[in-house]
């Protein structure tokens, strides 16, 4: 049995208009069904993926001003335009907090081969700007299927210990590189494909909600009082993070 968690924010709208679409919590991408590997908290993954509802909600007090991608810092407007291309969706709101939810959609990829492939493409390739062509989602769905086939080769039983599978990360990444090259569906140089594949594998194994928030806080500039929840992590994680903003957490004892 899991208890209930209430996350709220009394909003003064210091740097944006007080509008209905600015109300918290924020969600950038619409809910979607994804095939995901499960069993991370138990230390062993099931060979069969499960269809999971995927959505992320963010409550934020503060200001989101800049975000680093590929070693370069970009202001909020550039990040919002990039998010629209990277998620194939229009921004749900102009407020900065909604963009945090969008970035979290890109970072939280653990267990999804499709999302991990996109993560590798976005964050594993160094580019001079964010103004580049984004492949359609079908490309990443195809790459996800390719990566899934490679991961399945490491399963000899219905479950495999996570530590055992992680020992094969380099091998899986190498096979993924060759699969991407053979498919000829991305206009990338060999070195860029290698970096993309390695980043995708890292994301697949590591980027749960906690690690994704750590990545965001490392790359973002501004002030942040954050509570973040994900539908696929709600049974084990809720993230509270703060930088430049105070946060309060209340625990109420169970009453009869």
Protein backbone atom coordinates (compact mmCIF):
# COMPACT_ATOMS: atom_id res chain seq x y z
CA UNK A 1 0.00 0.00 0.00
CA UNK A 2 1.37 3.41 -0.94
CA UNK A 3 0.37 6.63 0.72
CA UNK A 4 -0.65 9.84 -1.00
CA UNK A 5 1.73 12.70 -1.70
CA UNK A 6 0.44 16.24 -2.20
CA UNK A 7 2.68 18.77 -3.93
CA UNK A 8 1.47 22.34 -4.16
CA UNK A 9 2.70 25.76 -5.19
CA UNK A 10 1.18 29.14 -4.33
CA UNK A 11 2.12 31.03 -7.47
CA UNK A 12 2.78 34.75 -7.64
CA UNK A 13 3.83 34.75 -11.33
CA UNK A 14 6.93 36.85 -10.79
CA UNK A 15 8.31 36.66 -14.33
CA UNK A 16 5.26 35.67 -16.39
CA UNK A 17 1.57 36.40 -16.61
CA UNK A 18 -0.92 34.78 -14.25
CA UNK A 19 -2.79 32.62 -16.77
CA UNK A 20 -4.61 29.32 -16.61
CA UNK A 21 -1.97 27.50 -18.66
CA UNK A 22 0.61 28.68 -16.16
CA UNK A 23 -1.01 26.76 -13.32
CA UNK A 24 1.09 24.02 -11.71
CA UNK A 25 1.83 21.15 -11.97
CA UNK A 26 3.17 21.28 -15.53
CA UNK A 27 3.26 18.57 -18.16
CA UNK A 28 4.93 19.10 -21.54
CA UNK A 29 4.22 15.90 -23.47
CA UNK A 30 0.85 14.22 -23.65
CA UNK A 31 0.56 10.80 -21.97
CA UNK A 32 1.87 7.99 -24.16
CA UNK A 33 2.08 4.19 -24.00
CA UNK A 34 5.60 2.82 -24.17
CA UNK A 35 7.07 -0.67 -23.99
CA UNK A 36 9.46 -0.57 -21.04
CA UNK A 37 11.75 -2.95 -19.19
CA UNK A 38 10.81 -3.28 -15.53
CA UNK A 39 12.50 -4.64 -12.42
CA UNK A 40 15.12 -1.95 -11.83
CA UNK A 41 14.48 -1.52 -8.12
CA UNK A 42 14.53 -5.31 -7.66
CA UNK A 43 17.93 -5.63 -9.34
CA UNK A 44 16.77 -7.95 -12.14
CA UNK A 45 15.00 -7.17 -15.39
CA UNK A 46 12.17 -9.11 -17.00
CA UNK A 47 12.83 -10.27 -20.55
CA UNK A 48 9.33 -9.18 -21.59
CA UNK A 49 8.67 -5.47 -21.71
CA UNK A 50 5.44 -4.07 -20.33
CA UNK A 51 3.23 -1.43 -21.92
CA UNK A 52 3.38 1.47 -19.47
CA UNK A 53 1.70 4.85 -19.35
CA UNK A 54 4.45 7.49 -19.47
CA UNK A 55 3.98 11.06 -18.27
CA UNK A 56 5.91 13.51 -16.10
CA UNK A 57 4.60 16.31 -13.88
CA UNK A 58 6.67 19.19 -12.52
CA UNK A 59 5.89 21.78 -9.87
CA UNK A 60 8.41 24.61 -9.85
CA UNK A 61 9.02 27.81 -7.97
CA UNK A 62 11.75 30.03 -9.35
CA UNK A 63 13.13 30.87 -12.77
CA UNK A 64 14.47 28.62 -15.55
CA UNK A 65 16.84 30.85 -17.53
CA UNK A 66 19.42 28.72 -19.36
CA UNK A 67 20.17 25.08 -20.14
CA UNK A 68 23.41 23.50 -21.37
CA UNK A 69 23.33 21.12 -24.34
CA UNK A 70 26.52 19.77 -25.86
CA UNK A 71 28.69 22.10 -23.80
CA UNK A 72 26.83 25.22 -24.95
CA UNK A 73 24.39 27.29 -22.93
CA UNK A 74 21.04 28.26 -24.47
CA UNK A 75 18.44 30.72 -23.24
CA UNK A 76 14.88 29.65 -22.49
CA UNK A 77 13.38 30.66 -25.85
CA UNK A 78 15.87 28.50 -27.76
CA UNK A 79 15.20 25.58 -25.41
CA UNK A 80 11.44 25.88 -25.87
CA UNK A 81 11.77 25.86 -29.68
CA UNK A 82 14.14 22.88 -29.47
CA UNK A 83 11.73 21.00 -27.20
CA UNK A 84 8.93 21.43 -29.72
CA UNK A 85 11.06 19.77 -32.40
CA UNK A 86 12.47 17.11 -30.08
CA UNK A 87 9.05 16.06 -28.76
CA UNK A 88 7.05 16.74 -31.95
CA UNK A 89 4.59 18.73 -29.87
CA UNK A 90 3.78 22.39 -29.45
CA UNK A 91 4.64 23.94 -26.12
CA UNK A 92 1.67 23.69 -23.74
CA UNK A 93 2.50 27.03 -22.15
CA UNK A 94 4.93 29.93 -22.48
CA UNK A 95 5.89 29.77 -18.81
CA UNK A 96 9.41 28.60 -18.01
CA UNK A 97 8.24 25.83 -15.67
CA UNK A 98 6.56 23.96 -18.52
CA UNK A 99 9.93 23.77 -20.29
CA UNK A 100 11.39 21.99 -17.26
CA UNK A 101 8.79 19.27 -17.75
CA UNK A 102 9.80 19.11 -21.42
CA UNK A 103 13.48 18.68 -20.61
CA UNK A 104 12.61 15.98 -18.07
CA UNK A 105 10.66 14.17 -20.82
CA UNK A 106 13.93 13.98 -22.78
CA UNK A 107 16.11 12.95 -19.84
CA UNK A 108 13.98 10.32 -18.06
CA UNK A 109 14.54 7.34 -20.39
CA UNK A 110 15.51 4.35 -18.22
CA UNK A 111 13.96 1.12 -19.49
CA UNK A 112 12.67 2.50 -22.81
CA UNK A 113 14.74 1.71 -25.88
CA UNK A 114 12.82 4.25 -27.99
CA UNK A 115 13.35 7.11 -25.54
CA UNK A 116 16.98 6.07 -25.00
CA UNK A 117 17.65 6.23 -28.75
CA UNK A 118 16.24 9.77 -28.85
CA UNK A 119 18.26 10.71 -25.76
CA UNK A 120 21.45 9.49 -27.43
CA UNK A 121 20.69 11.50 -30.58
CA UNK A 122 19.96 14.69 -28.62
CA UNK A 123 22.67 14.59 -25.99
CA UNK A 124 25.34 12.29 -27.42
CA UNK A 125 26.14 14.35 -30.52
CA UNK A 126 27.97 17.68 -30.25
CA UNK A 127 26.48 20.35 -32.51
CA UNK A 128 27.19 24.07 -33.03
CA UNK A 129 23.57 25.01 -32.30
CA UNK A 130 20.11 23.60 -31.57
CA UNK A 131 18.93 24.52 -35.07
CA UNK A 132 19.20 21.12 -36.74
CA UNK A 133 16.79 18.75 -38.41
CA UNK A 134 14.94 16.44 -36.04
CA UNK A 135 14.11 13.00 -37.46
CA UNK A 136 10.46 11.92 -37.16
CA UNK A 137 9.43 9.80 -34.20
CA UNK A 138 9.22 6.74 -36.47
CA UNK A 139 13.02 6.80 -36.78
CA UNK A 140 13.49 6.51 -33.01
CA UNK A 141 10.80 3.86 -32.80
CA UNK A 142 12.76 1.84 -35.35
CA UNK A 143 16.03 2.45 -33.50
CA UNK A 144 14.31 1.39 -30.28
CA UNK A 145 13.23 -1.89 -31.87
CA UNK A 146 16.80 -2.47 -33.04
CA UNK A 147 18.18 -1.80 -29.57
CA UNK A 148 15.54 -4.02 -28.00
CA UNK A 149 16.61 -6.94 -30.22
CA UNK A 150 20.22 -6.49 -29.10
CA UNK A 151 19.27 -6.40 -25.41
CA UNK A 152 17.10 -9.49 -25.83
CA UNK A 153 20.17 -11.44 -26.96
CA UNK A 154 21.54 -11.10 -23.43
CA UNK A 155 18.55 -12.86 -21.87
CA UNK A 156 18.90 -16.61 -21.36
CA UNK A 157 15.99 -16.80 -18.90
CA UNK A 158 12.84 -14.83 -18.18
CA UNK A 159 14.83 -12.59 -15.84
CA UNK A 160 18.45 -11.46 -15.81
CA UNK A 161 20.37 -9.85 -12.98
CA UNK A 162 20.90 -6.17 -13.64
CA UNK A 163 24.57 -6.42 -12.62
CA UNK A 164 25.08 -9.16 -15.20
CA UNK A 165 23.39 -7.16 -17.95
CA UNK A 166 25.35 -4.03 -17.10
CA UNK A 167 28.58 -5.91 -17.69
CA UNK A 168 27.52 -6.19 -21.34
CA UNK A 169 26.93 -2.46 -21.82
CA UNK A 170 30.01 -2.00 -23.97
CA UNK A 171 29.09 -5.00 -26.10
CA UNK A 172 25.51 -3.80 -26.58
CA UNK A 173 26.71 -0.31 -27.47
CA UNK A 174 29.11 -1.71 -30.06
CA UNK A 175 26.39 -3.79 -31.68
CA UNK A 176 24.05 -0.80 -31.62
CA UNK A 177 26.65 1.26 -33.50
CA UNK A 178 26.85 -1.35 -36.25
CA UNK A 179 23.06 -1.62 -36.41
CA UNK A 180 22.66 2.16 -36.80
CA UNK A 181 25.29 2.27 -39.54
CA UNK A 182 23.68 -0.62 -41.42
CA UNK A 183 20.24 0.96 -41.22
CA UNK A 184 21.48 4.22 -42.82
CA UNK A 185 18.62 6.24 -41.32
CA UNK A 186 20.67 8.98 -39.63
CA UNK A 187 22.94 11.53 -41.29
CA UNK A 188 25.73 11.26 -38.73
CA UNK A 189 29.47 10.65 -38.92
CA UNK A 190 30.88 7.39 -37.52
CA UNK A 191 32.24 9.09 -34.40
CA UNK A 192 28.88 10.75 -33.80
CA UNK A 193 27.06 7.43 -34.12
CA UNK A 194 29.44 5.88 -31.59
CA UNK A 195 28.86 8.72 -29.12
CA UNK A 196 25.11 8.55 -29.70
CA UNK A 197 25.02 4.80 -29.04
CA UNK A 198 27.08 5.04 -25.86
CA UNK A 199 24.90 7.88 -24.55
CA UNK A 200 21.74 5.94 -25.40
CA UNK A 201 22.96 2.87 -23.50
CA UNK A 202 23.95 5.01 -20.50
CA UNK A 203 20.48 6.55 -20.47
CA UNK A 204 18.76 3.18 -20.78
CA UNK A 205 20.54 1.87 -17.68
CA UNK A 206 20.90 5.00 -15.55
CA UNK A 207 18.30 7.67 -16.23
CA UNK A 208 15.57 7.04 -13.73
CA UNK A 209 13.77 10.07 -12.29
CA UNK A 210 16.47 10.75 -9.69
CA UNK A 211 19.40 10.61 -12.11
CA UNK A 212 17.46 12.66 -14.67
CA UNK A 213 16.82 15.38 -12.10
CA UNK A 214 20.50 15.38 -11.19
CA UNK A 215 21.37 15.87 -14.86
CA UNK A 216 18.87 18.71 -15.15
CA UNK A 217 20.16 20.50 -12.08
CA UNK A 218 23.74 20.15 -13.34
CA UNK A 219 22.94 21.65 -16.74
CA UNK A 220 20.29 24.24 -15.82
CA UNK A 221 20.80 27.80 -14.63
CA UNK A 222 18.27 29.77 -12.66
CA UNK A 223 16.56 29.20 -9.32
CA UNK A 224 14.64 26.04 -8.60
CA UNK A 225 12.28 24.69 -6.00
CA UNK A 226 11.13 21.48 -7.69
CA UNK A 227 8.88 18.53 -7.07
CA UNK A 228 8.85 16.00 -9.91
CA UNK A 229 6.84 12.83 -10.37
CA UNK A 230 6.69 10.28 -13.18
CA UNK A 231 3.99 7.72 -13.83
CA UNK A 232 6.58 4.94 -14.22
CA UNK A 233 8.45 5.84 -11.03
CA UNK A 234 5.56 6.86 -8.77
CA UNK A 235 5.69 3.56 -6.87
CA UNK A 236 9.24 4.25 -5.68
CA UNK A 237 10.33 7.82 -6.34
CA UNK A 238 9.20 11.38 -5.91
CA UNK A 239 11.89 14.00 -6.39
CA UNK A 240 12.27 17.19 -4.37
CA UNK A 241 15.16 19.40 -5.46
CA UNK A 242 16.17 22.92 -4.55
CA UNK A 243 18.69 25.51 -5.69
CA UNK A 244 18.23 29.15 -4.79
CA UNK A 245 14.72 28.48 -3.47
CA UNK A 246 13.47 27.27 -0.11
CA UNK A 247 11.37 24.11 0.08
CA UNK A 248 9.11 22.75 2.81
CA UNK A 249 8.04 19.14 3.30
CA UNK A 250 5.30 18.12 5.73
CA UNK A 251 4.68 14.64 7.13
CA UNK A 252 1.35 13.94 8.75
CA UNK A 253 1.03 10.94 11.08
CA UNK A 254 -1.68 8.44 10.24
CA UNK A 255 -4.87 9.28 12.08
CA UNK A 256 -7.60 6.89 13.19
